[in-house]
Amino acid sequence: MDNQVVKGAADLDHVVQNCIGWDITNTVYYN
């Protein structure tokens, strides 16, 4: 379950970077 959450966060981060070019998901989930 945790692995799926991390994967989901990574996927969302990729979408965010593609849309607005800002690595906000890494900031929220990984720092």
PDB file of N, CA and C in Angstrom:
ATOM      1  N   MET A   1       0.834  -1.199   0.000  1.00  0.00           N
ATOM      2  CA  MET A   1       0.000   0.000   0.000  1.00  0.00           C
ATOM      3  C   MET A   1       0.871   1.254   0.000  1.00  0.00           C
ATOM      4  N   ASP A   2       1.892   1.287   0.845  1.00  0.00           N
ATOM      5  CA  ASP A   2       2.785   2.444   0.855  1.00  0.00           C
ATOM      6  C   ASP A   2       3.461   2.621  -0.499  1.00  0.00           C
ATOM      7  N   ASN A   3       3.865   1.510  -1.122  1.00  0.00           N
ATOM      8  CA  ASN A   3       4.515   1.618  -2.430  1.00  0.00           C
ATOM      9  C   ASN A   3       3.574   2.236  -3.456  1.00  0.00           C
ATOM     10  N   GLN A   4       2.297   1.900  -3.378  1.00  0.00           N
ATOM     11  CA  GLN A   4       1.337   2.489  -4.321  1.00  0.00           C
ATOM     12  C   GLN A   4       1.170   3.976  -4.063  1.00  0.00           C
ATOM     13  N   VAL A   5       1.191   4.381  -2.801  1.00  0.00           N
ATOM     14  CA  VAL A   5       1.091   5.810  -2.483  1.00  0.00           C
ATOM     15  C   VAL A   5       2.288   6.546  -3.049  1.00  0.00           C
ATOM     16  N   VAL A   6       3.477   5.985  -2.856  1.00  0.00           N
ATOM     17  CA  VAL A   6       4.688   6.620  -3.381  1.00  0.00           C
ATOM     18  C   VAL A   6       4.636   6.688  -4.895  1.00  0.00           C
ATOM     19  N   LYS A   7       4.193   5.611  -5.534  1.00  0.00           N
ATOM     20  CA  LYS A   7       4.094   5.612  -6.992  1.00  0.00           C
ATOM     21  C   LYS A   7       3.084   6.658  -7.450  1.00  0.00           C
ATOM     22  N   GLY A   8       1.969   6.735  -6.760  1.00  0.00           N
ATOM     23  CA  GLY A   8       0.973   7.743  -7.104  1.00  0.00           C
ATOM     24  C   GLY A   8       1.523   9.154  -6.966  1.00  0.00           C
ATOM     25  N   ALA A   9       2.289   9.376  -5.901  1.00  0.00           N
ATOM     26  CA  ALA A   9       2.907  10.691  -5.706  1.00  0.00           C
ATOM     27  C   ALA A   9       3.891  10.987  -6.823  1.00  0.00           C
ATOM     28  N   ALA A  10       4.674   9.988  -7.206  1.00  0.00           N
ATOM     29  CA  ALA A  10       5.645  10.176  -8.286  1.00  0.00           C
ATOM     30  C   ALA A  10       4.930  10.454  -9.606  1.00  0.00           C
ATOM     31  N   ASP A  11       3.846   9.726  -9.860  1.00  0.00           N
ATOM     32  CA  ASP A  11       3.084   9.952 -11.094  1.00  0.00           C
ATOM     33  C   ASP A  11       2.490  11.358 -11.107  1.00  0.00           C
ATOM     34  N   LEU A  12       1.950  11.774  -9.967  1.00  0.00           N
ATOM     35  CA  LEU A  12       1.377  13.112  -9.880  1.00  0.00           C
ATOM     36  C   LEU A  12       2.464  14.156 -10.094  1.00  0.00           C
ATOM     37  N   ASP A  13       3.628  13.913  -9.505  1.00  0.00           N
ATOM     38  CA  ASP A  13       4.749  14.835  -9.667  1.00  0.00           C
ATOM     39  C   ASP A  13       5.111  14.987 -11.136  1.00  0.00           C
ATOM     40  N   HIS A  14       5.097  13.885 -11.856  1.00  0.00           N
ATOM     41  CA  HIS A  14       5.408  13.939 -13.289  1.00  0.00           C
ATOM     42  C   HIS A  14       4.372  14.784 -14.029  1.00  0.00           C
ATOM     43  N   VAL A  15       3.117  14.607 -13.692  1.00  0.00           N
ATOM     44  CA  VAL A  15       2.053  15.392 -14.324  1.00  0.00           C
ATOM     45  C   VAL A  15       2.221  16.874 -13.998  1.00  0.00           C
ATOM     46  N   VAL A  16       2.506  17.156 -12.736  1.00  0.00           N
ATOM     47  CA  VAL A  16       2.675  18.553 -12.331  1.00  0.00           C
ATOM     48  C   VAL A  16       3.840  19.191 -13.078  1.00  0.00           C
ATOM     49  N   GLN A  17       4.941  18.474 -13.169  1.00  0.00           N
ATOM     50  CA  GLN A  17       6.095  19.018 -13.881  1.00  0.00           C
ATOM     51  C   GLN A  17       5.756  19.257 -15.348  1.00  0.00           C
ATOM     52  N   ASN A  18       5.020  18.337 -15.954  1.00  0.00           N
ATOM     53  CA  ASN A  18       4.652  18.508 -17.353  1.00  0.00           C
ATOM     54  C   ASN A  18       3.714  19.698 -17.537  1.00  0.00           C
ATOM     55  N   CYS A  19       2.834  19.908 -16.576  1.00  0.00           N
ATOM     56  CA  CYS A  19       1.831  20.959 -16.731  1.00  0.00           C
ATOM     57  C   CYS A  19       2.391  22.334 -16.407  1.00  0.00           C
ATOM     58  N   ILE A  20       3.101  22.456 -15.293  1.00  0.00           N
ATOM     59  CA  ILE A  20       3.522  23.783 -14.837  1.00  0.00           C
ATOM     60  C   ILE A  20       5.023  23.883 -14.600  1.00  0.00           C
ATOM     61  N   GLY A  21       5.738  22.765 -14.780  1.00  0.00           N
ATOM     62  CA  GLY A  21       7.185  22.796 -14.663  1.00  0.00           C
ATOM     63  C   GLY A  21       7.668  23.063 -13.257  1.00  0.00           C
ATOM     64  N   TRP A  22       6.875  22.720 -12.256  1.00  0.00           N
ATOM     65  CA  TRP A  22       7.263  22.987 -10.875  1.00  0.00           C
ATOM     66  C   TRP A  22       7.170  21.701 -10.073  1.00  0.00           C
ATOM     67  N   ASP A  23       8.274  21.354  -9.420  1.00  0.00           N
ATOM     68  CA  ASP A  23       8.397  20.062  -8.736  1.00  0.00           C
ATOM     69  C   ASP A  23       7.775  20.138  -7.347  1.00  0.00           C
ATOM     70  N   ILE A  24       6.469  20.410  -7.292  1.00  0.00           N
ATOM     71  CA  ILE A  24       5.831  20.634  -5.992  1.00  0.00           C
ATOM     72  C   ILE A  24       5.575  19.318  -5.261  1.00  0.00           C
ATOM     73  N   THR A  25       5.318  18.238  -6.002  1.00  0.00           N
ATOM     74  CA  THR A  25       5.011  16.980  -5.341  1.00  0.00           C
ATOM     75  C   THR A  25       6.211  16.458  -4.569  1.00  0.00           C
ATOM     76  N   ASN A  26       7.406  16.588  -5.140  1.00  0.00           N
ATOM     77  CA  ASN A  26       8.595  16.197  -4.389  1.00  0.00           C
ATOM     78  C   ASN A  26       8.733  17.031  -3.133  1.00  0.00           C
ATOM     79  N   THR A  27       8.408  18.304  -3.228  1.00  0.00           N
ATOM     80  CA  THR A  27       8.502  19.168  -2.059  1.00  0.00           C
ATOM     81  C   THR A  27       7.543  18.699  -0.975  1.00  0.00           C
ATOM     82  N   VAL A  28       6.345  18.330  -1.383  1.00  0.00           N
ATOM     83  CA  VAL A  28       5.322  17.948  -0.408  1.00  0.00           C
ATOM     84  C   VAL A  28       5.603  16.571   0.181  1.00  0.00           C
ATOM     85  N   TYR A  29       5.954  15.595  -0.661  1.00  0.00           N
ATOM     86  CA  TYR A  29       6.005  14.210  -0.210  1.00  0.00           C
ATOM     87  C   TYR A  29       7.380  13.758   0.261  1.00  0.00           C
ATOM     88  N   TYR A  30       8.442  14.381  -0.214  1.00  0.00           N
ATOM     89  CA  TYR A  30       9.762  13.807  -0.007  1.00  0.00           C
ATOM     90  C   TYR A  30      10.684  14.663   0.848  1.00  0.00           C
ATOM     91  N   ASN A  31      10.255  15.878   1.214  1.00  0.00           N
ATOM     92  CA  ASN A  31      11.156  16.732   2.004  1.00  0.00           C
ATOM     93  C   ASN A  31      10.633  16.942   3.427  1.00  0.00           C
TER      94      ASN A  31
END
